[in-house]
């Protein structure tokens, strides 16, 4: 047995319910990056059962995986792809985030539903206000069907100015029937009076701290102890003898390494009230931990869990929560608990 990820689907449903009851608007679930490391297909399936019908992904490959598994959902591809025949055959909704990409989509001479990304301050992707007239002129002569318009907030300090600009930019589109307008993301769970939908990723997985609703992380990462070795002071551990034992205790080898997405030394791992520390370099498939206390071989220890708050871990490791969860390799088995 290797390391294992457990996903609590009951907590996923609780998070969704908390979000929906607070915002009272339909949610577009962001399931990109393997549903932030939680498993693309199982998470999407669970969210469909909860009533979500629209999903956003980053890559064409993710969009195809979803369409092959689910027929009756809207799949919004956030990044530009020019494989238009494939996009059309899999019924993918496109995000239009530049004039140049819009022209390429129109030149494909295919009918696509689209969401128009407007640039209001993040300066990453989107149609600028100065390009809006040209954009509308192109759209009016095209086969494209505008299903939504949206933006992405860059920071809390810019929220009001971006919201003001977005309101001005969407005026030409307000008469479109059933237009989906989405502004806020997990970090901005704000009933804004404009949005018809909310585009939510991190918060669904409980990976976003907010004072307005109660969310719970749904992911637990555990690993079995492969080997226990008693060690003495001044012994060395791992490649290049970089791990130095400062006091007698025990070395525990666990199956978690670079290939599992554990890319650097993260040193706090829990076993009941016993906290272990990594010693020596992370290996491709394994990692060694030290503790002065004895733990039996084959016992399961926690790396991420309710006992090891992921927000505290993120601060402790000085590492983004995005990086911790999305880098967890698909080769780690995921079990879904209801």
Protein backbone atom coordinates (compact mmCIF):
# COMPACT_ATOMS: atom_id res chain seq x y z
CA UNK A 1 0.00 0.00 0.00
CA UNK A 2 1.23 3.48 -0.89
CA UNK A 3 0.06 6.91 0.18
CA UNK A 4 -3.65 7.53 -0.22
CA UNK A 5 -5.92 10.54 -0.60
CA UNK A 6 -9.38 10.46 0.94
CA UNK A 7 -12.02 12.87 -0.37
CA UNK A 8 -15.02 13.51 1.85
CA UNK A 9 -18.00 13.97 -0.48
CA UNK A 10 -20.32 14.76 2.43
CA UNK A 11 -18.16 17.77 3.25
CA UNK A 12 -18.13 18.72 -0.44
CA UNK A 13 -21.93 18.80 -0.37
CA UNK A 14 -21.92 20.82 2.85
CA UNK A 15 -19.55 23.35 1.30
CA UNK A 16 -21.73 23.63 -1.80
CA UNK A 17 -24.86 24.07 0.32
CA UNK A 18 -23.21 26.78 2.43
CA UNK A 19 -22.08 28.66 -0.69
CA UNK A 20 -25.40 28.32 -2.51
CA UNK A 21 -27.49 29.34 0.51
CA UNK A 22 -25.34 32.44 0.97
CA UNK A 23 -25.17 33.58 -2.66
CA UNK A 24 -28.56 32.24 -3.78
CA UNK A 25 -27.39 32.06 -7.40
CA UNK A 26 -26.34 29.15 -9.65
CA UNK A 27 -22.70 28.10 -9.41
CA UNK A 28 -20.26 27.45 -12.22
CA UNK A 29 -17.93 24.87 -10.69
CA UNK A 30 -14.24 25.28 -11.51
CA UNK A 31 -12.82 21.76 -11.81
CA UNK A 32 -9.58 22.56 -13.63
CA UNK A 33 -6.26 20.97 -12.63
CA UNK A 34 -7.88 17.61 -11.83
CA UNK A 35 -10.45 19.45 -9.69
CA UNK A 36 -7.59 21.10 -7.78
CA UNK A 37 -6.06 17.68 -7.15
CA UNK A 38 -9.30 16.12 -5.89
CA UNK A 39 -10.16 14.09 -9.02
CA UNK A 40 -11.83 15.57 -12.09
CA UNK A 41 -14.47 12.96 -12.93
CA UNK A 42 -15.54 11.87 -9.41
CA UNK A 43 -15.81 15.48 -8.19
CA UNK A 44 -17.77 16.56 -11.27
CA UNK A 45 -20.07 13.57 -10.87
CA UNK A 46 -20.72 14.44 -7.23
CA UNK A 47 -21.42 18.10 -8.08
CA UNK A 48 -23.83 17.10 -10.87
CA UNK A 49 -25.81 15.10 -8.31
CA UNK A 50 -25.98 18.27 -6.20
CA UNK A 51 -27.53 20.14 -9.12
CA UNK A 52 -24.61 21.97 -10.75
CA UNK A 53 -24.84 21.98 -14.55
CA UNK A 54 -21.93 24.24 -15.63
CA UNK A 55 -18.24 23.44 -15.22
CA UNK A 56 -15.07 25.35 -16.09
CA UNK A 57 -11.76 23.75 -17.07
CA UNK A 58 -8.40 25.07 -18.23
CA UNK A 59 -7.37 22.67 -21.00
CA UNK A 60 -8.94 20.96 -24.00
CA UNK A 61 -7.86 17.61 -22.57
CA UNK A 62 -9.86 18.26 -19.40
CA UNK A 63 -12.86 19.35 -21.44
CA UNK A 64 -12.77 16.16 -23.52
CA UNK A 65 -12.53 13.96 -20.41
CA UNK A 66 -15.61 15.66 -18.99
CA UNK A 67 -17.60 15.39 -22.21
CA UNK A 68 -16.76 11.70 -22.62
CA UNK A 69 -18.15 11.10 -19.15
CA UNK A 70 -21.06 13.56 -19.01
CA UNK A 71 -23.43 14.48 -21.84
CA UNK A 72 -25.80 17.02 -20.35
CA UNK A 73 -23.53 19.64 -18.80
CA UNK A 74 -22.05 22.91 -20.01
CA UNK A 75 -18.26 22.77 -20.25
CA UNK A 76 -16.52 26.15 -20.42
CA UNK A 77 -12.93 26.08 -21.66
CA UNK A 78 -11.16 29.00 -19.98
CA UNK A 79 -7.98 28.99 -22.09
CA UNK A 80 -7.82 29.45 -25.88
CA UNK A 81 -7.60 26.37 -28.08
CA UNK A 82 -7.53 26.34 -31.88
CA UNK A 83 -8.46 22.69 -32.38
CA UNK A 84 -11.86 23.91 -33.55
CA UNK A 85 -13.20 20.73 -35.10
CA UNK A 86 -12.55 18.84 -31.88
CA UNK A 87 -14.00 21.66 -29.78
CA UNK A 88 -17.13 21.65 -31.92
CA UNK A 89 -17.56 17.89 -31.92
CA UNK A 90 -17.32 17.77 -28.12
CA UNK A 91 -19.76 20.69 -27.72
CA UNK A 92 -17.39 22.89 -25.75
CA UNK A 93 -18.29 26.45 -24.75
CA UNK A 94 -15.38 28.78 -25.49
CA UNK A 95 -14.01 31.61 -23.41
CA UNK A 96 -13.08 34.50 -25.70
CA UNK A 97 -10.28 36.43 -24.05
CA UNK A 98 -8.67 38.38 -26.90
CA UNK A 99 -9.58 39.97 -30.23
CA UNK A 100 -7.06 37.78 -32.05
CA UNK A 101 -8.62 34.60 -30.64
CA UNK A 102 -12.11 35.87 -31.43
CA UNK A 103 -11.10 36.34 -35.08
CA UNK A 104 -9.70 32.79 -35.23
CA UNK A 105 -12.90 31.36 -33.79
CA UNK A 106 -15.00 33.30 -36.32
CA UNK A 107 -12.74 32.15 -39.17
CA UNK A 108 -13.45 28.53 -38.21
CA UNK A 109 -16.97 29.17 -39.56
CA UNK A 110 -18.40 26.95 -36.82
CA UNK A 111 -21.17 27.73 -34.39
CA UNK A 112 -19.88 28.04 -30.84
CA UNK A 113 -21.51 29.21 -27.63
CA UNK A 114 -19.11 31.60 -25.92
CA UNK A 115 -18.40 33.40 -22.68
CA UNK A 116 -16.69 36.73 -23.20
CA UNK A 117 -13.83 37.49 -20.80
CA UNK A 118 -13.51 41.22 -20.09
CA UNK A 119 -10.26 42.74 -18.80
CA UNK A 120 -10.91 44.96 -15.79
CA UNK A 121 -7.57 45.03 -14.00
CA UNK A 122 -5.98 41.60 -13.57
CA UNK A 123 -4.03 42.13 -16.83
CA UNK A 124 -3.86 38.45 -17.66
CA UNK A 125 -6.51 37.58 -20.26
CA UNK A 126 -9.51 39.52 -21.51
CA UNK A 127 -10.98 42.07 -23.92
CA UNK A 128 -9.99 45.64 -23.00
CA UNK A 129 -12.58 48.42 -22.87
CA UNK A 130 -10.83 50.11 -25.82
CA UNK A 131 -11.40 46.92 -27.86
CA UNK A 132 -15.06 46.52 -26.97
CA UNK A 133 -16.53 48.21 -30.07
CA UNK A 134 -14.37 46.12 -32.41
CA UNK A 135 -15.32 43.00 -30.45
CA UNK A 136 -19.05 43.74 -30.76
CA UNK A 137 -18.75 44.50 -34.49
CA UNK A 138 -17.09 41.12 -35.05
CA UNK A 139 -19.64 39.27 -32.90
CA UNK A 140 -22.61 40.81 -34.72
CA UNK A 141 -21.37 39.40 -38.04
CA UNK A 142 -20.52 35.97 -36.64
CA UNK A 143 -22.25 32.66 -35.93
CA UNK A 144 -21.24 32.81 -32.29
CA UNK A 145 -23.80 32.80 -29.51
CA UNK A 146 -22.95 34.88 -26.44
CA UNK A 147 -23.97 32.86 -23.38
CA UNK A 148 -21.99 34.76 -20.77
CA UNK A 149 -19.70 37.67 -19.90
CA UNK A 150 -17.30 37.67 -17.00
CA UNK A 151 -14.17 39.10 -15.45
CA UNK A 152 -11.65 38.10 -12.79
CA UNK A 153 -10.96 40.26 -9.74
CA UNK A 154 -7.27 40.89 -9.09
CA UNK A 155 -7.31 42.01 -5.45
CA UNK A 156 -9.58 43.17 -2.67
CA UNK A 157 -8.23 46.72 -2.94
CA UNK A 158 -9.24 46.87 -6.63
CA UNK A 159 -12.62 45.19 -6.21
CA UNK A 160 -14.81 48.29 -6.39
CA UNK A 161 -12.93 49.88 -9.31
CA UNK A 162 -13.03 46.62 -11.29
CA UNK A 163 -16.71 46.18 -10.51
CA UNK A 164 -17.42 49.74 -11.72
CA UNK A 165 -15.55 49.16 -15.00
CA UNK A 166 -17.22 45.80 -15.52
CA UNK A 167 -20.68 47.36 -15.09
CA UNK A 168 -19.87 49.87 -17.82
CA UNK A 169 -18.45 47.23 -20.17
CA UNK A 170 -21.43 44.88 -20.00
CA UNK A 171 -24.01 47.53 -20.94
CA UNK A 172 -24.06 46.49 -24.65
CA UNK A 173 -24.79 42.87 -23.64
CA UNK A 174 -27.51 43.38 -21.02
CA UNK A 175 -30.37 42.77 -23.46
CA UNK A 176 -29.16 39.25 -24.35
CA UNK A 177 -31.65 36.68 -23.08
CA UNK A 178 -30.47 34.42 -20.24
CA UNK A 179 -27.03 36.01 -20.24
CA UNK A 180 -24.77 34.52 -17.58
CA UNK A 181 -22.79 37.20 -15.73
CA UNK A 182 -20.08 36.04 -13.34
CA UNK A 183 -17.60 38.22 -11.52
CA UNK A 184 -16.68 36.87 -8.12
CA UNK A 185 -14.58 33.81 -7.41
CA UNK A 186 -13.89 31.85 -4.22
CA UNK A 187 -11.95 34.73 -2.70
CA UNK A 188 -14.80 37.17 -3.38
CA UNK A 189 -17.99 35.50 -2.22
CA UNK A 190 -19.90 38.76 -2.40
CA UNK A 191 -23.57 39.16 -3.40
CA UNK A 192 -22.89 41.99 -5.84
CA UNK A 193 -26.32 42.58 -7.35
CA UNK A 194 -24.96 42.02 -10.87
CA UNK A 195 -23.88 38.39 -11.08
CA UNK A 196 -26.38 35.83 -12.32
CA UNK A 197 -23.87 33.03 -11.58
CA UNK A 198 -20.84 32.56 -9.36
CA UNK A 199 -17.66 30.91 -10.62
CA UNK A 200 -16.37 28.88 -7.67
CA UNK A 201 -13.35 26.59 -7.34
CA UNK A 202 -11.31 26.62 -4.12
CA UNK A 203 -14.27 27.27 -1.84
CA UNK A 204 -16.07 24.11 -2.99
CA UNK A 205 -13.09 22.10 -1.79
CA UNK A 206 -12.94 24.00 1.49
CA UNK A 207 -9.62 25.59 0.54
CA UNK A 208 -10.67 29.17 1.06
CA UNK A 209 -11.00 30.94 4.41
CA UNK A 210 -13.96 33.27 4.71
CA UNK A 211 -15.75 34.89 7.61
CA UNK A 212 -19.19 34.78 6.00
CA UNK A 213 -19.71 31.01 5.64
CA UNK A 214 -18.37 27.84 7.21
CA UNK A 215 -16.26 25.76 4.80
CA UNK A 216 -14.32 22.57 5.49
CA UNK A 217 -11.36 21.11 3.53
CA UNK A 218 -12.44 17.83 1.98
CA UNK A 219 -9.00 16.30 1.30
CA UNK A 220 -6.96 14.08 3.61
CA UNK A 221 -3.53 12.70 2.64
CA UNK A 222 -2.23 9.67 4.56
CA UNK A 223 0.78 7.43 4.22
CA UNK A 224 1.75 4.04 5.71
CA UNK A 225 5.06 3.49 7.45
CA UNK A 226 7.12 1.15 5.27
CA UNK A 227 10.02 0.73 7.68
CA UNK A 228 11.01 1.68 11.22
CA UNK A 229 14.69 1.99 12.19
CA UNK A 230 16.12 2.93 15.57
CA UNK A 231 18.91 5.48 15.17
CA UNK A 232 21.54 7.04 17.38
CA UNK A 233 22.86 10.56 17.68
CA UNK A 234 25.15 11.68 14.81
CA UNK A 235 23.86 9.09 12.30
CA UNK A 236 23.11 10.42 8.82
CA UNK A 237 20.07 9.84 6.63
CA UNK A 238 19.38 10.10 2.91
CA UNK A 239 21.24 11.29 -0.16
CA UNK A 240 24.60 12.95 0.42
CA UNK A 241 24.17 12.23 4.15
CA UNK A 242 22.35 15.53 4.48
CA UNK A 243 20.03 14.33 7.25
CA UNK A 244 21.77 14.45 10.63
CA UNK A 245 20.35 12.77 13.73
CA UNK A 246 20.66 15.13 16.70
CA UNK A 247 19.29 12.73 19.31
CA UNK A 248 18.45 9.06 19.46
CA UNK A 249 15.05 8.06 18.14
CA UNK A 250 13.44 6.44 15.11
CA UNK A 251 13.49 6.89 11.35
CA UNK A 252 10.24 6.19 9.50
CA UNK A 253 10.25 5.63 5.73
CA UNK A 254 6.98 6.44 3.97
CA UNK A 255 5.94 6.09 0.28
CA UNK A 256 5.67 9.77 -0.65
CA UNK A 257 8.13 11.56 -2.90
CA UNK A 258 8.72 13.88 -5.83
CA UNK A 259 6.75 11.65 -8.21
CA UNK A 260 3.75 11.98 -5.89
CA UNK A 261 3.94 15.77 -6.10
CA UNK A 262 5.68 16.28 -2.76
CA UNK A 263 8.26 18.59 -4.23
CA UNK A 264 10.11 19.98 -1.24
CA UNK A 265 10.84 19.40 2.40
CA UNK A 266 7.67 19.82 4.42
CA UNK A 267 8.42 18.86 7.94
CA UNK A 268 5.29 18.60 10.09
CA UNK A 269 3.47 15.27 9.89
CA UNK A 270 1.07 13.98 12.52
CA UNK A 271 0.45 10.67 14.20
CA UNK A 272 -2.07 11.24 16.98
CA UNK A 273 -0.25 13.70 19.30
CA UNK A 274 3.15 12.79 17.87
CA UNK A 275 4.57 15.22 15.31
CA UNK A 276 7.27 13.85 13.03
CA UNK A 277 9.85 15.83 11.10
CA UNK A 278 11.25 15.09 7.68
CA UNK A 279 14.94 14.32 7.68
CA UNK A 280 17.17 14.15 4.61
CA UNK A 281 16.15 14.99 1.09
CA UNK A 282 12.84 13.97 -0.45
CA UNK A 283 13.38 11.02 -2.82
CA UNK A 284 11.56 10.13 -6.02
CA UNK A 285 9.15 7.74 -4.30
CA UNK A 286 10.00 7.86 -0.60
CA UNK A 287 10.59 10.20 2.29
CA UNK A 288 12.16 9.69 5.72
CA UNK A 289 10.81 11.12 8.95
CA UNK A 290 12.30 11.34 12.43
CA UNK A 291 10.68 11.13 15.85
CA UNK A 292 12.00 10.36 19.32
CA UNK A 293 8.81 8.33 19.87
CA UNK A 294 8.15 4.81 18.60
CA UNK A 295 5.39 4.07 16.06
CA UNK A 296 4.65 0.61 14.71
CA UNK A 297 5.40 -0.37 11.13
CA UNK A 298 2.38 -0.17 8.73
CA UNK A 299 0.66 2.46 10.85
CA UNK A 300 -0.96 5.26 8.84
CA UNK A 301 0.26 8.80 9.45
CA UNK A 302 -1.40 12.03 8.33
CA UNK A 303 0.23 14.55 6.02
CA UNK A 304 -2.84 16.70 5.32
CA UNK A 305 -5.94 16.25 7.46
CA UNK A 306 -8.38 18.00 9.83
CA UNK A 307 -5.67 17.53 12.48
CA UNK A 308 -3.18 19.36 10.26
CA UNK A 309 -5.00 22.47 9.07
CA UNK A 310 -3.99 23.10 5.46
CA UNK A 311 -4.07 26.88 5.92
CA UNK A 312 -1.59 26.62 8.78
CA UNK A 313 0.51 24.21 6.72
CA UNK A 314 0.50 26.65 3.80
CA UNK A 315 1.80 29.41 6.04
CA UNK A 316 4.31 27.11 7.72
CA UNK A 317 5.70 25.86 4.41
CA UNK A 318 5.50 29.36 2.89
CA UNK A 319 3.74 27.72 -0.04
CA UNK A 320 0.46 28.35 -1.83
CA UNK A 321 -2.46 26.06 -1.08
CA UNK A 322 -2.92 25.83 -4.86
CA UNK A 323 0.53 24.29 -5.16
CA UNK A 324 0.10 21.84 -2.29
CA UNK A 325 -3.09 20.26 -3.61
CA UNK A 326 -2.79 20.58 -7.40
CA UNK A 327 0.66 18.99 -7.51
CA UNK A 328 -0.56 15.83 -5.80
CA UNK A 329 0.04 13.21 -8.48
CA UNK A 330 -2.79 11.23 -10.09
CA UNK A 331 -0.78 8.13 -9.18
CA UNK A 332 -1.83 8.61 -5.54
CA UNK A 333 -5.00 6.56 -5.09
CA UNK A 334 -8.05 8.63 -4.27
CA UNK A 335 -10.88 7.18 -2.21
CA UNK A 336 -14.23 8.95 -2.05
CA UNK A 337 -16.06 8.81 1.26
CA UNK A 338 -19.78 9.47 1.53
